[in-house]
């Protein structure tokens, strides 16, 4: 994930910082903060590896797709709009932007899994159903 983030950062010409955190009820599993000097992806680290990967790639997909948030005041009304306008959590994207980021994250992860060593072996959840001889 760090290598993917670094490649996207190079392509965009600005750094991306990955910031792990623990899951908190009522908050998104991941969100993106676009600050003046860098982009920050905050993500829950205390979850399954496959879930953590998906969260990170989903947030990176928002950067690749150049998505922008909506209505910052509704997300965190107690913080200045200028600051909150740069925080792009899942709760502030329009539905098409969320769908696009989800689709891109799924496609990237699917492609990455196929290119990993040992990718010829069936995956336990997504591989072919074993033959039972019936």
Protein backbone atom coordinates (compact mmCIF):
# COMPACT_ATOMS: atom_id res chain seq x y z
CA UNK A 1 0.00 0.00 0.00
CA UNK A 2 2.84 2.37 0.78
CA UNK A 3 4.35 1.76 -2.67
CA UNK A 4 0.99 2.36 -4.39
CA UNK A 5 0.48 5.56 -2.41
CA UNK A 6 4.01 6.71 -3.31
CA UNK A 7 3.39 6.12 -7.02
CA UNK A 8 0.11 8.04 -6.92
CA UNK A 9 1.80 10.83 -4.96
CA UNK A 10 4.57 11.06 -7.57
CA UNK A 11 2.00 11.23 -10.35
CA UNK A 12 0.06 13.96 -8.58
CA UNK A 13 3.16 15.90 -7.53
CA UNK A 14 2.30 16.02 -3.81
CA UNK A 15 2.95 13.69 -0.88
CA UNK A 16 0.41 11.25 0.54
CA UNK A 17 0.73 10.25 4.19
CA UNK A 18 -0.88 7.03 5.45
CA UNK A 19 -2.10 7.44 9.03
CA UNK A 20 -3.31 4.32 10.87
CA UNK A 21 -5.80 4.66 13.70
CA UNK A 22 -8.06 2.46 15.79
CA UNK A 23 -11.69 2.03 14.83
CA UNK A 24 -14.20 4.29 16.58
CA UNK A 25 -17.96 3.60 16.48
CA UNK A 26 -19.86 6.06 14.31
CA UNK A 27 -16.81 7.15 12.31
CA UNK A 28 -15.86 6.00 8.80
CA UNK A 29 -13.24 3.27 8.40
CA UNK A 30 -11.17 5.63 6.31
CA UNK A 31 -11.15 9.21 5.13
CA UNK A 32 -9.03 11.56 3.13
CA UNK A 33 -7.74 14.94 4.27
CA UNK A 34 -6.44 17.20 1.50
CA UNK A 35 -4.23 19.76 3.24
CA UNK A 36 -2.11 22.53 1.74
CA UNK A 37 1.16 20.59 1.75
CA UNK A 38 0.04 16.94 1.47
CA UNK A 39 -2.87 14.52 1.36
CA UNK A 40 -3.51 12.35 4.42
CA UNK A 41 -5.34 9.05 4.44
CA UNK A 42 -6.59 8.08 7.87
CA UNK A 43 -7.60 4.43 8.08
CA UNK A 44 -8.44 1.85 10.69
CA UNK A 45 -5.50 -0.45 11.24
CA UNK A 46 -7.20 -2.86 13.65
CA UNK A 47 -9.16 -4.74 11.02
CA UNK A 48 -8.54 -7.69 8.71
CA UNK A 49 -5.72 -7.26 6.20
CA UNK A 50 -8.05 -7.53 3.19
CA UNK A 51 -10.39 -4.89 4.69
CA UNK A 52 -7.49 -2.55 5.48
CA UNK A 53 -6.21 -2.87 1.89
CA UNK A 54 -9.64 -2.08 0.51
CA UNK A 55 -10.02 1.00 2.73
CA UNK A 56 -6.65 2.37 1.62
CA UNK A 57 -7.20 1.71 -2.08
CA UNK A 58 -10.71 3.20 -1.86
CA UNK A 59 -9.31 6.45 -0.44
CA UNK A 60 -6.49 6.47 -3.00
CA UNK A 61 -9.13 5.99 -5.71
CA UNK A 62 -10.78 9.24 -4.61
CA UNK A 63 -7.47 11.01 -5.31
CA UNK A 64 -6.97 9.30 -8.66
CA UNK A 65 -10.53 10.18 -9.70
CA UNK A 66 -10.06 13.77 -8.45
CA UNK A 67 -13.18 13.67 -6.30
CA UNK A 68 -14.19 16.65 -4.20
CA UNK A 69 -16.35 16.75 -1.09
CA UNK A 70 -19.65 18.52 -0.63
CA UNK A 71 -21.04 20.79 2.07
CA UNK A 72 -18.29 20.82 4.70
CA UNK A 73 -20.49 22.44 7.31
CA UNK A 74 -22.69 19.37 7.53
CA UNK A 75 -19.73 17.06 8.21
CA UNK A 76 -18.18 18.87 11.21
CA UNK A 77 -20.14 22.03 12.02
CA UNK A 78 -17.90 22.93 14.99
CA UNK A 79 -14.76 23.29 12.80
CA UNK A 80 -13.97 26.08 10.31
CA UNK A 81 -15.40 25.44 6.83
CA UNK A 82 -12.00 26.06 5.24
CA UNK A 83 -10.47 23.18 7.20
CA UNK A 84 -13.40 20.82 6.91
CA UNK A 85 -13.68 21.48 3.19
CA UNK A 86 -10.40 19.64 2.80
CA UNK A 87 -11.56 16.60 4.77
CA UNK A 88 -13.13 14.13 2.42
CA UNK A 89 -14.69 11.27 4.35
CA UNK A 90 -17.10 8.78 2.88
CA UNK A 91 -20.00 10.62 4.41
CA UNK A 92 -19.46 13.70 2.24
CA UNK A 93 -19.13 12.18 -1.23
CA UNK A 94 -21.98 12.03 -3.65
CA UNK A 95 -23.21 8.53 -4.42
CA UNK A 96 -21.61 8.37 -7.90
CA UNK A 97 -18.21 9.32 -6.43
CA UNK A 98 -18.49 6.58 -3.79
CA UNK A 99 -19.50 4.03 -6.41
CA UNK A 100 -16.61 5.06 -8.65
CA UNK A 101 -14.08 4.81 -5.80
CA UNK A 102 -15.47 1.41 -4.72
CA UNK A 103 -15.33 0.07 -8.26
CA UNK A 104 -11.79 1.32 -8.86
CA UNK A 105 -10.61 -0.07 -5.49
CA UNK A 106 -12.13 -3.48 -6.28
CA UNK A 107 -10.55 -3.58 -9.75
CA UNK A 108 -7.12 -2.53 -8.47
CA UNK A 109 -7.14 -5.12 -5.69
CA UNK A 110 -8.38 -7.85 -8.01
CA UNK A 111 -5.59 -7.10 -10.46
CA UNK A 112 -3.00 -6.93 -7.66
CA UNK A 113 -4.04 -10.31 -6.29
CA UNK A 114 -3.69 -11.91 -9.72
CA UNK A 115 -0.16 -10.54 -10.13
CA UNK A 116 1.12 -11.70 -6.73
CA UNK A 117 3.38 -14.77 -6.50
CA UNK A 118 1.26 -17.91 -6.29
CA UNK A 119 -1.68 -16.20 -7.95
CA UNK A 120 -2.32 -19.33 -10.00
CA UNK A 121 -3.70 -21.06 -6.91
CA UNK A 122 -7.42 -20.68 -6.26
CA UNK A 123 -8.36 -18.21 -3.56
CA UNK A 124 -10.36 -19.72 -0.67
CA UNK A 125 -13.34 -17.41 -1.11
CA UNK A 126 -13.22 -16.51 -4.80
CA UNK A 127 -11.53 -19.47 -6.47
CA UNK A 128 -13.22 -22.26 -8.38
CA UNK A 129 -15.37 -24.76 -6.53
CA UNK A 130 -13.33 -27.95 -5.95
CA UNK A 131 -14.54 -31.04 -7.81
CA UNK A 132 -15.92 -33.74 -5.57
CA UNK A 133 -16.10 -36.49 -8.15
CA UNK A 134 -19.90 -36.38 -8.42
